[in-house]
Amino acid sequence: MATAELHGQKFNPFEQGYAAFLKGVSIKQNPFETENDTSPASKRKWTDGWNKAQREAGRKA
């Protein structure tokens, strides 16, 4: 499973997806979309975070 940390705090998949959008990462680069990761819930949560960040960025534009 893909994990990320900031100041020792683990990011959940939603937060990772949200942060990925802010960094300019493509939605196709979902780290939970691998053959080794057996958690479709994590994949969906990452995508949900990415999509939410995109919607919020659209409102601010």
N, C-alpha and C. Protein backbone atom coordinates (compact mmCIF):
# COMPACT_ATOMS: atom_id res chain seq x y z
N MET A 1 0.85 -1.18 0.00
CA MET A 1 0.00 0.00 0.00
C MET A 1 0.89 1.24 0.00
N ALA A 2 0.49 2.22 -0.75
CA ALA A 2 1.24 3.47 -0.81
C ALA A 2 0.97 4.28 0.45
N THR A 3 2.03 4.85 1.00
CA THR A 3 1.87 5.69 2.18
C THR A 3 2.66 6.97 1.99
N ALA A 4 2.26 8.00 2.67
CA ALA A 4 2.96 9.28 2.64
C ALA A 4 2.92 9.85 4.04
N GLU A 5 3.93 10.65 4.37
CA GLU A 5 3.98 11.26 5.69
C GLU A 5 4.37 12.73 5.58
N LEU A 6 3.89 13.51 6.50
CA LEU A 6 4.27 14.90 6.63
C LEU A 6 4.48 15.14 8.11
N HIS A 7 5.68 15.49 8.49
CA HIS A 7 6.02 15.72 9.90
C HIS A 7 5.64 14.53 10.77
N GLY A 8 5.85 13.31 10.23
CA GLY A 8 5.57 12.10 11.00
C GLY A 8 4.11 11.68 11.01
N GLN A 9 3.24 12.48 10.42
CA GLN A 9 1.81 12.14 10.35
C GLN A 9 1.53 11.42 9.04
N LYS A 10 0.87 10.29 9.11
CA LYS A 10 0.53 9.56 7.89
C LYS A 10 -0.68 10.20 7.21
N PHE A 11 -0.59 10.33 5.90
CA PHE A 11 -1.70 10.83 5.09
C PHE A 11 -2.58 9.64 4.73
N ASN A 12 -3.89 9.81 4.82
CA ASN A 12 -4.76 8.75 4.35
C ASN A 12 -4.88 8.89 2.82
N PRO A 13 -5.44 7.89 2.13
CA PRO A 13 -5.52 7.95 0.67
C PRO A 13 -6.23 9.19 0.13
N PHE A 14 -7.30 9.64 0.80
CA PHE A 14 -8.01 10.84 0.36
C PHE A 14 -7.07 12.04 0.39
N GLU A 15 -6.35 12.21 1.49
CA GLU A 15 -5.42 13.34 1.62
C GLU A 15 -4.29 13.25 0.61
N GLN A 16 -3.84 12.04 0.33
CA GLN A 16 -2.79 11.87 -0.67
C GLN A 16 -3.28 12.29 -2.05
N GLY A 17 -4.50 11.92 -2.39
CA GLY A 17 -5.07 12.31 -3.69
C GLY A 17 -5.26 13.81 -3.80
N TYR A 18 -5.72 14.41 -2.72
CA TYR A 18 -5.92 15.87 -2.69
C TYR A 18 -4.58 16.57 -2.91
N ALA A 19 -3.56 16.14 -2.18
CA ALA A 19 -2.24 16.74 -2.29
C ALA A 19 -1.64 16.49 -3.68
N ALA A 20 -1.91 15.33 -4.24
CA ALA A 20 -1.38 15.02 -5.58
C ALA A 20 -1.89 16.01 -6.62
N PHE A 21 -3.18 16.34 -6.55
CA PHE A 21 -3.72 17.31 -7.50
C PHE A 21 -3.01 18.66 -7.33
N LEU A 22 -2.82 19.07 -6.10
CA LEU A 22 -2.17 20.36 -5.84
C LEU A 22 -0.74 20.39 -6.37
N LYS A 23 -0.10 19.22 -6.43
CA LYS A 23 1.27 19.12 -6.94
C LYS A 23 1.30 18.98 -8.46
N GLY A 24 0.14 18.85 -9.08
CA GLY A 24 0.10 18.70 -10.54
C GLY A 24 0.20 17.27 -11.03
N VAL A 25 -0.04 16.32 -10.14
CA VAL A 25 0.02 14.90 -10.51
C VAL A 25 -1.26 14.53 -11.27
N SER A 26 -1.11 13.78 -12.33
CA SER A 26 -2.25 13.32 -13.12
C SER A 26 -3.08 12.31 -12.33
N ILE A 27 -4.37 12.30 -12.58
CA ILE A 27 -5.25 11.33 -11.92
C ILE A 27 -4.86 9.91 -12.30
N LYS A 28 -4.22 9.75 -13.44
CA LYS A 28 -3.80 8.43 -13.90
C LYS A 28 -2.61 7.89 -13.11
N GLN A 29 -2.02 8.70 -12.24
CA GLN A 29 -0.86 8.28 -11.46
C GLN A 29 -1.25 7.87 -10.04
N ASN A 30 -2.44 7.37 -9.88
CA ASN A 30 -2.92 6.90 -8.58
C ASN A 30 -2.02 5.78 -8.08
N PRO A 31 -1.33 5.98 -6.95
CA PRO A 31 -0.40 4.96 -6.46
C PRO A 31 -1.10 3.70 -5.96
N PHE A 32 -2.39 3.76 -5.78
CA PHE A 32 -3.14 2.59 -5.32
C PHE A 32 -3.62 1.75 -6.49
N GLU A 33 -3.29 2.17 -7.69
CA GLU A 33 -3.73 1.47 -8.89
C GLU A 33 -2.62 0.55 -9.40
N THR A 34 -2.15 -0.33 -8.54
CA THR A 34 -1.10 -1.26 -8.90
C THR A 34 -1.61 -2.68 -8.73
N GLU A 35 -0.91 -3.60 -9.35
CA GLU A 35 -1.29 -5.01 -9.23
C GLU A 35 -1.07 -5.53 -7.81
N ASN A 36 -0.12 -4.94 -7.10
CA ASN A 36 0.20 -5.40 -5.75
C ASN A 36 -0.76 -4.87 -4.70
N ASP A 37 -1.47 -3.80 -4.99
CA ASP A 37 -2.38 -3.21 -4.01
C ASP A 37 -3.76 -3.83 -4.18
N THR A 38 -4.25 -4.44 -3.13
CA THR A 38 -5.52 -5.15 -3.20
C THR A 38 -6.64 -4.37 -2.52
N SER A 39 -6.49 -3.05 -2.42
CA SER A 39 -7.48 -2.25 -1.73
C SER A 39 -8.21 -1.30 -2.69
N PRO A 40 -9.32 -1.76 -3.27
CA PRO A 40 -10.06 -0.87 -4.17
C PRO A 40 -10.62 0.36 -3.43
N ALA A 41 -10.84 0.23 -2.12
CA ALA A 41 -11.34 1.37 -1.35
C ALA A 41 -10.30 2.48 -1.31
N SER A 42 -9.03 2.13 -1.15
CA SER A 42 -7.96 3.14 -1.14
C SER A 42 -7.85 3.82 -2.49
N LYS A 43 -7.97 3.04 -3.55
CA LYS A 43 -7.92 3.61 -4.91
C LYS A 43 -9.04 4.63 -5.09
N ARG A 44 -10.23 4.27 -4.66
CA ARG A 44 -11.39 5.16 -4.81
C ARG A 44 -11.24 6.41 -3.94
N LYS A 45 -10.74 6.25 -2.71
CA LYS A 45 -10.57 7.40 -1.82
C LYS A 45 -9.52 8.36 -2.36
N TRP A 46 -8.43 7.83 -2.94
CA TRP A 46 -7.40 8.69 -3.54
C TRP A 46 -8.03 9.51 -4.68
N THR A 47 -8.81 8.82 -5.52
CA THR A 47 -9.47 9.49 -6.64
C THR A 47 -10.46 10.53 -6.13
N ASP A 48 -11.19 10.22 -5.08
CA ASP A 48 -12.13 11.19 -4.50
C ASP A 48 -11.41 12.44 -4.02
N GLY A 49 -10.26 12.26 -3.37
CA GLY A 49 -9.47 13.41 -2.90
C GLY A 49 -8.97 14.24 -4.05
N TRP A 50 -8.49 13.58 -5.10
CA TRP A 50 -7.99 14.28 -6.29
C TRP A 50 -9.12 15.09 -6.93
N ASN A 51 -10.28 14.45 -7.07
CA ASN A 51 -11.43 15.13 -7.68
C ASN A 51 -11.91 16.32 -6.85
N LYS A 52 -11.91 16.18 -5.53
CA LYS A 52 -12.34 17.29 -4.67
C LYS A 52 -11.41 18.48 -4.83
N ALA A 53 -10.11 18.23 -4.85
CA ALA A 53 -9.14 19.33 -5.04
C ALA A 53 -9.36 20.01 -6.38
N GLN A 54 -9.66 19.22 -7.41
CA GLN A 54 -9.90 19.78 -8.74
C GLN A 54 -11.15 20.66 -8.74
N ARG A 55 -12.21 20.19 -8.10
CA ARG A 55 -13.45 20.99 -8.02
C ARG A 55 -13.21 22.31 -7.29
N GLU A 56 -12.49 22.22 -6.17
CA GLU A 56 -12.22 23.44 -5.39
C GLU A 56 -11.34 24.41 -6.17
N ALA A 57 -10.40 23.89 -6.93
CA ALA A 57 -9.54 24.77 -7.74
C ALA A 57 -10.37 25.44 -8.83
N GLY A 58 -11.37 24.74 -9.36
CA GLY A 58 -12.24 25.32 -10.38
C GLY A 58 -13.10 26.45 -9.83
N ARG A 59 -13.50 26.34 -8.59
CA ARG A 59 -14.31 27.38 -7.97
C ARG A 59 -13.51 28.65 -7.73
N LYS A 60 -12.22 28.49 -7.44
CA LYS A 60 -11.38 29.64 -7.14
C LYS A 60 -10.92 30.36 -8.40
N ALA A 61 -10.97 29.66 -9.54
CA ALA A 61 -10.48 30.25 -10.79
C ALA A 61 -11.42 31.29 -11.35
